[in-house]
PDB file of all heavy atoms in Angstrom:
ATOM      1  N   LYS A   1      11.789 -48.763  33.167  1.00  0.00           N
ATOM      2  CA  LYS A   1      12.939 -49.369  32.506  1.00  0.00           C
ATOM      3  C   LYS A   1      14.219 -48.594  32.801  1.00  0.00           C
ATOM      4  O   LYS A   1      15.272 -49.176  33.031  1.00  0.00           O
ATOM      5  CB  LYS A   1      12.700 -49.452  30.994  1.00  0.00           C
ATOM      6  CG  LYS A   1      11.704 -50.517  30.594  1.00  0.00           C
ATOM      7  CD  LYS A   1      11.727 -50.786  29.120  1.00  0.00           C
ATOM      8  CE  LYS A   1      10.949 -49.777  28.345  1.00  0.00           C
ATOM      9  NZ  LYS A   1      10.875 -50.071  26.904  1.00  0.00           N
ATOM     10  N   PHE A   2      14.107 -47.265  32.823  1.00  0.00           N
ATOM     11  CA  PHE A   2      15.281 -46.442  33.107  1.00  0.00           C
ATOM     12  C   PHE A   2      15.752 -46.642  34.539  1.00  0.00           C
ATOM     13  O   PHE A   2      16.949 -46.772  34.806  1.00  0.00           O
ATOM     14  CB  PHE A   2      14.955 -44.968  32.854  1.00  0.00           C
ATOM     15  CG  PHE A   2      16.134 -44.069  33.004  1.00  0.00           C
ATOM     16  CD1 PHE A   2      17.072 -43.988  31.995  1.00  0.00           C
ATOM     17  CD2 PHE A   2      16.311 -43.323  34.144  1.00  0.00           C
ATOM     18  CE1 PHE A   2      18.170 -43.170  32.124  1.00  0.00           C
ATOM     19  CE2 PHE A   2      17.407 -42.504  34.286  1.00  0.00           C
ATOM     20  CZ  PHE A   2      18.339 -42.426  33.275  1.00  0.00           C
ATOM     21  N   LYS A   3      14.813 -46.697  35.472  1.00  0.00           N
ATOM     22  CA  LYS A   3      15.178 -46.918  36.869  1.00  0.00           C
ATOM     23  C   LYS A   3      15.824 -48.281  37.057  1.00  0.00           C
ATOM     24  O   LYS A   3      16.762 -48.428  37.836  1.00  0.00           O
ATOM     25  CB  LYS A   3      13.946 -46.810  37.760  1.00  0.00           C
ATOM     26  CG  LYS A   3      13.442 -45.411  37.944  1.00  0.00           C
ATOM     27  CD  LYS A   3      12.205 -45.455  38.795  1.00  0.00           C
ATOM     28  CE  LYS A   3      11.552 -44.115  38.900  1.00  0.00           C
ATOM     29  NZ  LYS A   3      10.333 -44.182  39.717  1.00  0.00           N
ATOM     30  N   LEU A   4      15.326 -49.282  36.357  1.00  0.00           N
ATOM     31  CA  LEU A   4      15.900 -50.623  36.444  1.00  0.00           C
ATOM     32  C   LEU A   4      17.334 -50.631  35.915  1.00  0.00           C
ATOM     33  O   LEU A   4      18.215 -51.251  36.501  1.00  0.00           O
ATOM     34  CB  LEU A   4      15.037 -51.612  35.660  1.00  0.00           C
ATOM     35  CG  LEU A   4      15.482 -53.060  35.677  1.00  0.00           C
ATOM     36  CD1 LEU A   4      15.381 -53.616  37.093  1.00  0.00           C
ATOM     37  CD2 LEU A   4      14.638 -53.884  34.731  1.00  0.00           C
ATOM     38  N   ALA A   5      17.574 -49.920  34.832  1.00  0.00           N
ATOM     39  CA  ALA A   5      18.919 -49.867  34.261  1.00  0.00           C
ATOM     40  C   ALA A   5      19.899 -49.154  35.180  1.00  0.00           C
ATOM     41  O   ALA A   5      21.080 -49.480  35.207  1.00  0.00           O
ATOM     42  CB  ALA A   5      18.887 -49.165  32.901  1.00  0.00           C
ATOM     43  N   TYR A   6      19.417 -48.185  35.945  1.00  0.00           N
ATOM     44  CA  TYR A   6      20.298 -47.410  36.813  1.00  0.00           C
ATOM     45  C   TYR A   6      20.085 -47.721  38.295  1.00  0.00           C
ATOM     46  O   TYR A   6      20.283 -46.874  39.147  1.00  0.00           O
ATOM     47  CB  TYR A   6      20.118 -45.914  36.540  1.00  0.00           C
ATOM     48  CG  TYR A   6      20.808 -45.509  35.273  1.00  0.00           C
ATOM     49  CD1 TYR A   6      20.094 -45.292  34.120  1.00  0.00           C
ATOM     50  CD2 TYR A   6      22.178 -45.379  35.234  1.00  0.00           C
ATOM     51  CE1 TYR A   6      20.725 -44.942  32.947  1.00  0.00           C
ATOM     52  CE2 TYR A   6      22.827 -45.034  34.074  1.00  0.00           C
ATOM     53  CZ  TYR A   6      22.099 -44.817  32.936  1.00  0.00           C
ATOM     54  OH  TYR A   6      22.733 -44.488  31.768  1.00  0.00           O
ATOM     55  N   GLY A   7      19.684 -48.907  38.597  1.00  0.00           N
ATOM     56  CA  GLY A   7      19.679 -49.374  39.973  1.00  0.00           C
ATOM     57  C   GLY A   7      18.584 -48.857  40.865  1.00  0.00           C
ATOM     58  O   GLY A   7      18.765 -48.743  42.063  1.00  0.00           O
ATOM     59  N   GLY A   8      17.442 -48.502  40.325  1.00  0.00           N
ATOM     60  CA  GLY A   8      16.322 -48.073  41.151  1.00  0.00           C
ATOM     61  C   GLY A   8      16.421 -46.648  41.635  1.00  0.00           C
ATOM     62  O   GLY A   8      16.281 -46.374  42.825  1.00  0.00           O
ATOM     63  N   LEU A   9      16.662 -45.736  40.731  1.00  0.00           N
ATOM     64  CA  LEU A   9      16.708 -44.318  41.099  1.00  0.00           C
ATOM     65  C   LEU A   9      15.338 -43.857  41.566  1.00  0.00           C
ATOM     66  O   LEU A   9      14.313 -44.371  41.132  1.00  0.00           O
ATOM     67  CB  LEU A   9      17.129 -43.473  39.900  1.00  0.00           C
ATOM     68  CG  LEU A   9      18.571 -43.586  39.477  1.00  0.00           C
ATOM     69  CD1 LEU A   9      18.775 -42.826  38.172  1.00  0.00           C
ATOM     70  CD2 LEU A   9      19.483 -43.023  40.526  1.00  0.00           C
ATOM     71  N   LEU A  10      15.330 -42.873  42.408  1.00  0.00           N
ATOM     72  CA  LEU A  10      14.072 -42.323  42.901  1.00  0.00           C
ATOM     73  C   LEU A  10      13.506 -41.326  41.907  1.00  0.00           C
ATOM     74  O   LEU A  10      14.230 -40.751  41.088  1.00  0.00           O
ATOM     75  CB  LEU A  10      14.308 -41.621  44.241  1.00  0.00           C
ATOM     76  CG  LEU A  10      14.801 -42.488  45.382  1.00  0.00           C
ATOM     77  CD1 LEU A  10      15.129 -41.624  46.584  1.00  0.00           C
ATOM     78  CD2 LEU A  10      13.772 -43.533  45.742  1.00  0.00           C
ATOM     79  N   ASN A  11      12.188 -41.103  41.987  1.00  0.00           N
ATOM     80  CA  ASN A  11      11.554 -40.088  41.140  1.00  0.00           C
ATOM     81  C   ASN A  11      12.114 -38.709  41.430  1.00  0.00           C
ATOM     82  O   ASN A  11      12.220 -37.878  40.540  1.00  0.00           O
ATOM     83  CB  ASN A  11      10.044 -40.085  41.354  1.00  0.00           C
ATOM     84  CG  ASN A  11       9.368 -41.210  40.628  1.00  0.00           C
ATOM     85  OD1 ASN A  11       9.898 -41.736  39.656  1.00  0.00           O
ATOM     86  ND2 ASN A  11       8.202 -41.597  41.095  1.00  0.00           N
ATOM     87  N   LYS A  12      12.479 -38.461  42.690  1.00  0.00           N
ATOM     88  CA  LYS A  12      13.038 -37.158  43.063  1.00  0.00           C
ATOM     89  C   LYS A  12      14.303 -36.857  42.281  1.00  0.00           C
ATOM     90  O   LYS A  12      14.525 -35.727  41.861  1.00  0.00           O
ATOM     91  CB  LYS A  12      13.362 -37.122  44.559  1.00  0.00           C
ATOM     92  CG  LYS A  12      12.207 -36.850  45.447  1.00  0.00           C
ATOM     93  CD  LYS A  12      12.704 -36.715  46.877  1.00  0.00           C
ATOM     94  CE  LYS A  12      11.556 -36.478  47.816  1.00  0.00           C
ATOM     95  NZ  LYS A  12      12.028 -36.354  49.196  1.00  0.00           N
ATOM     96  N   THR A  13      15.151 -37.857  42.098  1.00  0.00           N
ATOM     97  CA  THR A  13      16.399 -37.661  41.367  1.00  0.00           C
ATOM     98  C   THR A  13      16.125 -37.234  39.934  1.00  0.00           C
ATOM     99  O   THR A  13      16.754 -36.299  39.429  1.00  0.00           O
ATOM    100  CB  THR A  13      17.224 -38.962  41.377  1.00  0.00           C
ATOM    101  OG1 THR A  13      17.341 -39.426  42.714  1.00  0.00           O
ATOM    102  CG2 THR A  13      18.600 -38.737  40.800  1.00  0.00           C
ATOM    103  N   LEU A  14      15.186 -37.902  39.301  1.00  0.00           N
ATOM    104  CA  LEU A  14      14.830 -37.538  37.927  1.00  0.00           C
ATOM    105  C   LEU A  14      14.208 -36.147  37.866  1.00  0.00           C
ATOM    106  O   LEU A  14      14.531 -35.342  36.994  1.00  0.00           O
ATOM    107  CB  LEU A  14      13.855 -38.562  37.342  1.00  0.00           C
ATOM    108  CG  LEU A  14      14.419 -39.941  37.066  1.00  0.00           C
ATOM    109  CD1 LEU A  14      13.297 -40.886  36.680  1.00  0.00           C
ATOM    110  CD2 LEU A  14      15.459 -39.892  35.987  1.00  0.00           C
ATOM    111  N   GLU A  15      13.320 -35.845  38.809  1.00  0.00           N
ATOM    112  CA  GLU A  15      12.648 -34.544  38.807  1.00  0.00           C
ATOM    113  C   GLU A  15      13.618 -33.398  39.065  1.00  0.00           C
ATOM    114  O   GLU A  15      13.526 -32.345  38.430  1.00  0.00           O
ATOM    115  CB  GLU A  15      11.533 -34.532  39.855  1.00  0.00           C
ATOM    116  CG  GLU A  15      10.353 -35.385  39.459  1.00  0.00           C
ATOM    117  CD  GLU A  15       9.302 -35.473  40.542  1.00  0.00           C
ATOM    118  OE1 GLU A  15       9.397 -34.731  41.543  1.00  0.00           O
ATOM    119  OE2 GLU A  15       8.383 -36.287  40.381  1.00  0.00           O
ATOM    120  N   ILE A  16      14.568 -33.589  39.963  1.00  0.00           N
ATOM    121  CA  ILE A  16      15.550 -32.535  40.249  1.00  0.00           C
ATOM    122  C   ILE A  16      16.380 -32.241  39.012  1.00  0.00           C
ATOM    123  O   ILE A  16      16.638 -31.085  38.679  1.00  0.00           O
ATOM    124  CB  ILE A  16      16.444 -32.945  41.441  1.00  0.00           C
ATOM    125  CG1 ILE A  16      15.637 -32.885  42.728  1.00  0.00           C
ATOM    126  CG2 ILE A  16      17.677 -32.061  41.541  1.00  0.00           C
ATOM    127  CD1 ILE A  16      16.333 -33.493  43.927  1.00  0.00           C
ATOM    128  N   LEU A  17      16.780 -33.287  38.310  1.00  0.00           N
ATOM    129  CA  LEU A  17      17.570 -33.094  37.095  1.00  0.00           C
ATOM    130  C   LEU A  17      16.793 -32.304  36.056  1.00  0.00           C
ATOM    131  O   LEU A  17      17.314 -31.358  35.457  1.00  0.00           O
ATOM    132  CB  LEU A  17      17.989 -34.441  36.511  1.00  0.00           C
ATOM    133  CG  LEU A  17      18.634 -34.369  35.140  1.00  0.00           C
ATOM    134  CD1 LEU A  17      20.009 -33.762  35.236  1.00  0.00           C
ATOM    135  CD2 LEU A  17      18.678 -35.731  34.523  1.00  0.00           C
ATOM    136  N   PHE A  18      15.545 -32.663  35.844  1.00  0.00           N
ATOM    137  CA  PHE A  18      14.752 -31.990  34.812  1.00  0.00           C
ATOM    138  C   PHE A  18      14.355 -30.582  35.209  1.00  0.00           C
ATOM    139  O   PHE A  18      14.258 -29.711  34.360  1.00  0.00           O
ATOM    140  CB  PHE A  18      13.513 -32.807  34.478  1.00  0.00           C
ATOM    141  CG  PHE A  18      13.816 -33.979  33.615  1.00  0.00           C
ATOM    142  CD1 PHE A  18      13.744 -35.252  34.125  1.00  0.00           C
ATOM    143  CD2 PHE A  18      14.188 -33.808  32.304  1.00  0.00           C
ATOM    144  CE1 PHE A  18      14.029 -36.339  33.336  1.00  0.00           C
ATOM    145  CE2 PHE A  18      14.476 -34.893  31.506  1.00  0.00           C
ATOM    146  CZ  PHE A  18      14.402 -36.156  32.026  1.00  0.00           C
ATOM    147  N   LYS A  19      14.107 -30.345  36.472  1.00  0.00           N
ATOM    148  CA  LYS A  19      13.718 -29.001  36.895  1.00  0.00           C
ATOM    149  C   LYS A  19      14.857 -28.011  36.729  1.00  0.00           C
ATOM    150  O   LYS A  19      14.628 -26.839  36.469  1.00  0.00           O
ATOM    151  CB  LYS A  19      13.236 -29.009  38.346  1.00  0.00           C
ATOM    152  CG  LYS A  19      11.833 -29.548  38.481  1.00  0.00           C
ATOM    153  CD  LYS A  19      11.359 -29.488  39.910  1.00  0.00           C
ATOM    154  CE  LYS A  19       9.960 -30.080  40.016  1.00  0.00           C
ATOM    155  NZ  LYS A  19       9.464 -30.070  41.379  1.00  0.00           N
ATOM    156  N   LYS A  20      16.098 -28.485  36.876  1.00  0.00           N
ATOM    157  CA  LYS A  20      17.241 -27.586  36.736  1.00  0.00           C
ATOM    158  C   LYS A  20      17.377 -27.081  35.304  1.00  0.00           C
ATOM    159  O   LYS A  20      17.578 -25.907  35.068  1.00  0.00           O
ATOM    160  CB  LYS A  20      18.535 -28.295  37.156  1.00  0.00           C
ATOM    161  CG  LYS A  20      18.683 -28.411  38.643  1.00  0.00           C
ATOM    162  CD  LYS A  20      19.997 -29.060  38.981  1.00  0.00           C
ATOM    163  CE  LYS A  20      20.136 -29.219  40.484  1.00  0.00           C
ATOM    164  NZ  LYS A  20      21.368 -29.927  40.840  1.00  0.00           N
ATOM    165  N   ASN A  21      17.302 -27.975  34.351  1.00  0.00           N
ATOM    166  CA  ASN A  21      17.499 -27.576  32.958  1.00  0.00           C
ATOM    167  C   ASN A  21      16.678 -28.451  32.013  1.00  0.00           C
ATOM    168  O   ASN A  21      17.223 -29.191  31.231  1.00  0.00           O
ATOM    169  CB  ASN A  21      18.980 -27.641  32.585  1.00  0.00           C
ATOM    170  CG  ASN A  21      19.619 -28.946  32.972  1.00  0.00           C
ATOM    171  OD1 ASN A  21      18.953 -29.845  33.458  1.00  0.00           O
ATOM    172  ND2 ASN A  21      20.891 -29.070  32.754  1.00  0.00           N
ATOM    173  N   PHE A  22      15.367 -28.354  32.113  1.00  0.00           N
ATOM    174  CA  PHE A  22      14.524 -29.223  31.293  1.00  0.00           C
ATOM    175  C   PHE A  22      14.431 -28.773  29.840  1.00  0.00           C
ATOM    176  O   PHE A  22      14.097 -29.551  28.975  1.00  0.00           O
ATOM    177  CB  PHE A  22      13.117 -29.363  31.895  1.00  0.00           C
ATOM    178  CG  PHE A  22      12.260 -28.139  31.765  1.00  0.00           C
ATOM    179  CD1 PHE A  22      11.405 -28.005  30.700  1.00  0.00           C
ATOM    180  CD2 PHE A  22      12.314 -27.136  32.713  1.00  0.00           C
ATOM    181  CE1 PHE A  22      10.611 -26.888  30.581  1.00  0.00           C
ATOM    182  CE2 PHE A  22      11.526 -26.029  32.605  1.00  0.00           C
ATOM    183  CZ  PHE A  22      10.676 -25.886  31.532  1.00  0.00           C
ATOM    184  N   LYS A  23      14.734 -27.509  29.540  1.00  0.00           N
ATOM    185  CA  LYS A  23      14.630 -27.040  28.156  1.00  0.00           C
ATOM    186  C   LYS A  23      15.854 -27.411  27.340  1.00  0.00           C
ATOM    187  O   LYS A  23      15.764 -27.690  26.157  1.00  0.00           O
ATOM    188  CB  LYS A  23      14.449 -25.525  28.128  1.00  0.00           C
ATOM    189  CG  LYS A  23      13.107 -25.061  28.627  1.00  0.00           C
ATOM    190  CD  LYS A  23      12.997 -23.565  28.555  1.00  0.00           C
ATOM    191  CE  LYS A  23      11.662 -23.111  29.112  1.00  0.00           C
ATOM    192  NZ  LYS A  23      11.544 -21.662  29.166  1.00  0.00           N
ATOM    193  N   THR A  24      17.025 -27.395  27.960  1.00  0.00           N
ATOM    194  CA  THR A  24      18.266 -27.557  27.206  1.00  0.00           C
ATOM    195  C   THR A  24      18.823 -28.971  27.225  1.00  0.00           C
ATOM    196  O   THR A  24      19.805 -29.231  26.547  1.00  0.00           O
ATOM    197  CB  THR A  24      19.346 -26.624  27.790  1.00  0.00           C
ATOM    198  OG1 THR A  24      19.552 -26.976  29.165  1.00  0.00           O
ATOM    199  CG2 THR A  24      18.930 -25.177  27.674  1.00  0.00           C
ATOM    200  N   ILE A  25      18.224 -29.867  27.979  1.00  0.00           N
ATOM    201  CA  ILE A  25      18.812 -31.198  28.110  1.00  0.00           C
ATOM    202  C   ILE A  25      18.569 -32.032  26.854  1.00  0.00           C
ATOM    203  O   ILE A  25      17.492 -32.043  26.293  1.00  0.00           O
ATOM    204  CB  ILE A  25      18.285 -31.905  29.373  1.00  0.00           C
ATOM    205  CG1 ILE A  25      19.188 -33.043  29.754  1.00  0.00           C
ATOM    206  CG2 ILE A  25      16.865 -32.363  29.204  1.00  0.00           C
ATOM    207  CD1 ILE A  25      19.019 -33.487  31.170  1.00  0.00           C
ATOM    208  N   SER A  26      19.628 -32.695  26.391  1.00  0.00           N
ATOM    209  CA  SER A  26      19.526 -33.575  25.227  1.00  0.00           C
ATOM    210  C   SER A  26      19.719 -35.012  25.692  1.00  0.00           C
ATOM    211  O   SER A  26      20.065 -35.267  26.843  1.00  0.00           O
ATOM    212  CB  SER A  26      20.584 -33.212  24.192  1.00  0.00           C
ATOM    213  OG  SER A  26      21.867 -33.483  24.709  1.00  0.00           O
ATOM    214  N   GLN A  27      19.527 -35.930  24.776  1.00  0.00           N
ATOM    215  CA  GLN A  27      19.616 -37.340  25.120  1.00  0.00           C
ATOM    216  C   GLN A  27      21.029 -37.710  25.566  1.00  0.00           C
ATOM    217  O   GLN A  27      21.212 -38.408  26.556  1.00  0.00           O
ATOM    218  CB  GLN A  27      19.198 -38.172  23.911  1.00  0.00           C
ATOM    219  CG  GLN A  27      19.150 -39.652  24.159  1.00  0.00           C
ATOM    220  CD  GLN A  27      18.633 -40.405  22.975  1.00  0.00           C
ATOM    221  OE1 GLN A  27      18.174 -39.828  22.008  1.00  0.00           O
ATOM    222  NE2 GLN A  27      18.721 -41.703  23.029  1.00  0.00           N
ATOM    223  N   ILE A  28      22.027 -37.216  24.882  1.00  0.00           N
ATOM    224  CA  ILE A  28      23.408 -37.555  25.209  1.00  0.00           C
ATOM    225  C   ILE A  28      23.824 -36.899  26.521  1.00  0.00           C
ATOM    226  O   ILE A  28      24.462 -37.522  27.370  1.00  0.00           O
ATOM    227  CB  ILE A  28      24.338 -37.161  24.048  1.00  0.00           C
ATOM    228  CG1 ILE A  28      24.020 -38.052  22.856  1.00  0.00           C
ATOM    229  CG2 ILE A  28      25.786 -37.264  24.445  1.00  0.00           C
ATOM    230  CD1 ILE A  28      24.701 -37.696  21.588  1.00  0.00           C
ATOM    231  N   LYS A  29      23.438 -35.637  26.717  1.00  0.00           N
ATOM    232  CA  LYS A  29      23.761 -34.948  27.967  1.00  0.00           C
ATOM    233  C   LYS A  29      23.084 -35.635  29.143  1.00  0.00           C
ATOM    234  O   LYS A  29      23.663 -35.775  30.219  1.00  0.00           O
ATOM    235  CB  LYS A  29      23.328 -33.487  27.884  1.00  0.00           C
ATOM    236  CG  LYS A  29      23.709 -32.662  29.076  1.00  0.00           C
ATOM    237  CD  LYS A  29      23.279 -31.219  28.904  1.00  0.00           C
ATOM    238  CE  LYS A  29      23.576 -30.423  30.159  1.00  0.00           C
ATOM    239  NZ  LYS A  29      23.059 -29.061  30.067  1.00  0.00           N
ATOM    240  N   PHE A  30      21.861 -36.083  28.943  1.00  0.00           N
ATOM    241  CA  PHE A  30      21.107 -36.797  29.958  1.00  0.00           C
ATOM    242  C   PHE A  30      21.844 -38.057  30.400  1.00  0.00           C
ATOM    243  O   PHE A  30      22.018 -38.311  31.590  1.00  0.00           O
ATOM    244  CB  PHE A  30      19.732 -37.128  29.380  1.00  0.00           C
ATOM    245  CG  PHE A  30      18.824 -37.867  30.310  1.00  0.00           C
ATOM    246  CD1 PHE A  30      18.223 -37.215  31.362  1.00  0.00           C
ATOM    247  CD2 PHE A  30      18.547 -39.201  30.113  1.00  0.00           C
ATOM    248  CE1 PHE A  30      17.365 -37.878  32.211  1.00  0.00           C
ATOM    249  CE2 PHE A  30      17.690 -39.873  30.953  1.00  0.00           C
ATOM    250  CZ  PHE A  30      17.103 -39.210  32.002  1.00  0.00           C
ATOM    251  N   LEU A  31      22.323 -38.841  29.431  1.00  0.00           N
ATOM    252  CA  LEU A  31      23.054 -40.064  29.760  1.00  0.00           C
ATOM    253  C   LEU A  31      24.398 -39.761  30.407  1.00  0.00           C
ATOM    254  O   LEU A  31      24.823 -40.455  31.324  1.00  0.00           O
ATOM    255  CB  LEU A  31      23.261 -40.907  28.507  1.00  0.00           C
ATOM    256  CG  LEU A  31      22.037 -41.652  28.018  1.00  0.00           C
ATOM    257  CD1 LEU A  31      22.331 -42.364  26.728  1.00  0.00           C
ATOM    258  CD2 LEU A  31      21.558 -42.628  29.066  1.00  0.00           C
ATOM    259  N   LYS A  32      25.069 -38.691  29.942  1.00  0.00           N
ATOM    260  CA  LYS A  32      26.369 -38.336  30.525  1.00  0.00           C
ATOM    261  C   LYS A  32      26.235 -37.945  31.982  1.00  0.00           C
ATOM    262  O   LYS A  32      27.097 -38.275  32.797  1.00  0.00           O
ATOM    263  CB  LYS A  32      27.000 -37.187  29.735  1.00  0.00           C
ATOM    264  CG  LYS A  32      27.613 -37.625  28.431  1.00  0.00           C
ATOM    265  CD  LYS A  32      28.289 -36.460  27.755  1.00  0.00           C
ATOM    266  CE  LYS A  32      28.920 -36.884  26.449  1.00  0.00           C
ATOM    267  NZ  LYS A  32      29.602 -35.780  25.786  1.00  0.00           N
ATOM    268  N   ILE A  33      25.168 -37.255  32.329  1.00  0.00           N
ATOM    269  CA  ILE A  33      24.952 -36.860  33.724  1.00  0.00           C
ATOM    270  C   ILE A  33      24.805 -38.096  34.606  1.00  0.00           C
ATOM    271  O   ILE A  33      25.423 -38.195  35.664  1.00  0.00           O
ATOM    272  CB  ILE A  33      23.716 -35.945  33.842  1.00  0.00           C
ATOM    273  CG1 ILE A  33      24.023 -34.582  33.228  1.00  0.00           C
ATOM    274  CG2 ILE A  33      23.289 -35.788  35.295  1.00  0.00           C
ATOM    275  CD1 ILE A  33      22.813 -33.692  33.085  1.00  0.00           C
ATOM    276  N   PHE A  34      24.027 -39.040  34.165  1.00  0.00           N
ATOM    277  CA  PHE A  34      23.822 -40.231  34.995  1.00  0.00           C
ATOM    278  C   PHE A  34      25.037 -41.147  34.999  1.00  0.00           C
ATOM    279  O   PHE A  34      25.342 -41.754  36.022  1.00  0.00           O
ATOM    280  CB  PHE A  34      22.574 -40.994  34.538  1.00  0.00           C
ATOM    281  CG  PHE A  34      21.333 -40.414  35.106  1.00  0.00           C
ATOM    282  CD1 PHE A  34      20.583 -39.525  34.376  1.00  0.00           C
ATOM    283  CD2 PHE A  34      20.928 -40.727  36.374  1.00  0.00           C
ATOM    284  CE1 PHE A  34      19.447 -38.962  34.911  1.00  0.00           C
ATOM    285  CE2 PHE A  34      19.794 -40.178  36.919  1.00  0.00           C
ATOM    286  CZ  PHE A  34      19.056 -39.296  36.191  1.00  0.00           C
ATOM    287  N   GLU A  35      25.714 -41.279  33.883  1.00  0.00           N
ATOM    288  CA  GLU A  35      26.869 -42.166  33.833  1.00  0.00           C
ATOM    289  C   GLU A  35      28.051 -41.621  34.616  1.00  0.00           C
ATOM    290  O   GLU A  35      28.943 -42.375  34.982  1.00  0.00           O
ATOM    291  CB  GLU A  35      27.290 -42.408  32.373  1.00  0.00           C
ATOM    292  CG  GLU A  35      26.331 -43.261  31.591  1.00  0.00           C
ATOM    293  CD  GLU A  35      26.331 -44.713  32.017  1.00  0.00           C
ATOM    294  OE1 GLU A  35      27.363 -45.222  32.468  1.00  0.00           O
ATOM    295  OE2 GLU A  35      25.269 -45.343  31.905  1.00  0.00           O
ATOM    296  N   SER A  36      28.087 -40.329  34.885  1.00  0.00           N
ATOM    297  CA  SER A  36      29.216 -39.760  35.615  1.00  0.00           C
ATOM    298  C   SER A  36      28.954 -39.623  37.114  1.00  0.00           C
ATOM    299  O   SER A  36      29.821 -39.147  37.832  1.00  0.00           O
ATOM    300  CB  SER A  36      29.594 -38.407  35.021  1.00  0.00           C
ATOM    301  OG  SER A  36      28.530 -37.511  35.135  1.00  0.00           O
ATOM    302  N   ARG A  37      27.811 -40.042  37.592  1.00  0.00           N
ATOM    303  CA  ARG A  37      27.548 -40.024  39.038  1.00  0.00           C
ATOM    304  C   ARG A  37      28.318 -41.152  39.713  1.00  0.00           C
ATOM    305  O   ARG A  37      28.493 -42.231  39.152  1.00  0.00           O
ATOM    306  CB  ARG A  37      26.062 -40.205  39.321  1.00  0.00           C
ATOM    307  CG  ARG A  37      25.213 -38.991  39.045  1.00  0.00           C
ATOM    308  CD  ARG A  37      23.756 -39.312  39.237  1.00  0.00           C
ATOM    309  NE  ARG A  37      23.482 -39.875  40.545  1.00  0.00           N
ATOM    310  CZ  ARG A  37      22.714 -39.289  41.459  1.00  0.00           C
ATOM    311  NH1 ARG A  37      22.159 -38.130  41.200  1.00  0.00           N
ATOM    312  NH2 ARG A  37      22.494 -39.871  42.609  1.00  0.00           N
ATOM    313  N   LEU A  38      28.779 -40.912  40.940  1.00  0.00           N
ATOM    314  CA  LEU A  38      29.583 -41.906  41.657  1.00  0.00           C
ATOM    315  C   LEU A  38      28.794 -43.163  41.970  1.00  0.00           C
ATOM    316  O   LEU A  38      29.267 -44.277  41.722  1.00  0.00           O
ATOM    317  CB  LEU A  38      30.139 -41.285  42.949  1.00  0.00           C
ATOM    318  CG  LEU A  38      30.982 -42.202  43.822  1.00  0.00           C
ATOM    319  CD1 LEU A  38      32.229 -42.653  43.081  1.00  0.00           C
ATOM    320  CD2 LEU A  38      31.354 -41.504  45.112  1.00  0.00           C
ATOM    321  N   ASP A  39      27.575 -43.025  42.472  1.00  0.00           N
ATOM    322  CA  ASP A  39      26.800 -44.205  42.842  1.00  0.00           C
ATOM    323  C   ASP A  39      26.438 -45.056  41.626  1.00  0.00           C
ATOM    324  O   ASP A  39      26.508 -46.280  41.667  1.00  0.00           O
ATOM    325  CB  ASP A  39      25.560 -43.826  43.642  1.00  0.00           C
ATOM    326  CG  ASP A  39      24.649 -42.843  42.940  1.00  0.00           C
ATOM    327  OD1 ASP A  39      25.075 -42.243  41.934  1.00  0.00           O
ATOM    328  OD2 ASP A  39      23.514 -42.653  43.409  1.00  0.00           O
TER     329      ASP A  39
END
């Protein structure tokens, strides 16, 4: 459902985001990161 909402993101994109800061990420920060990407 998340990939469908954001145009078919790859699993790699999600994994890279979580590996960088998986302990500190919150729901709002998570959405802000994706909403501020150019693509």
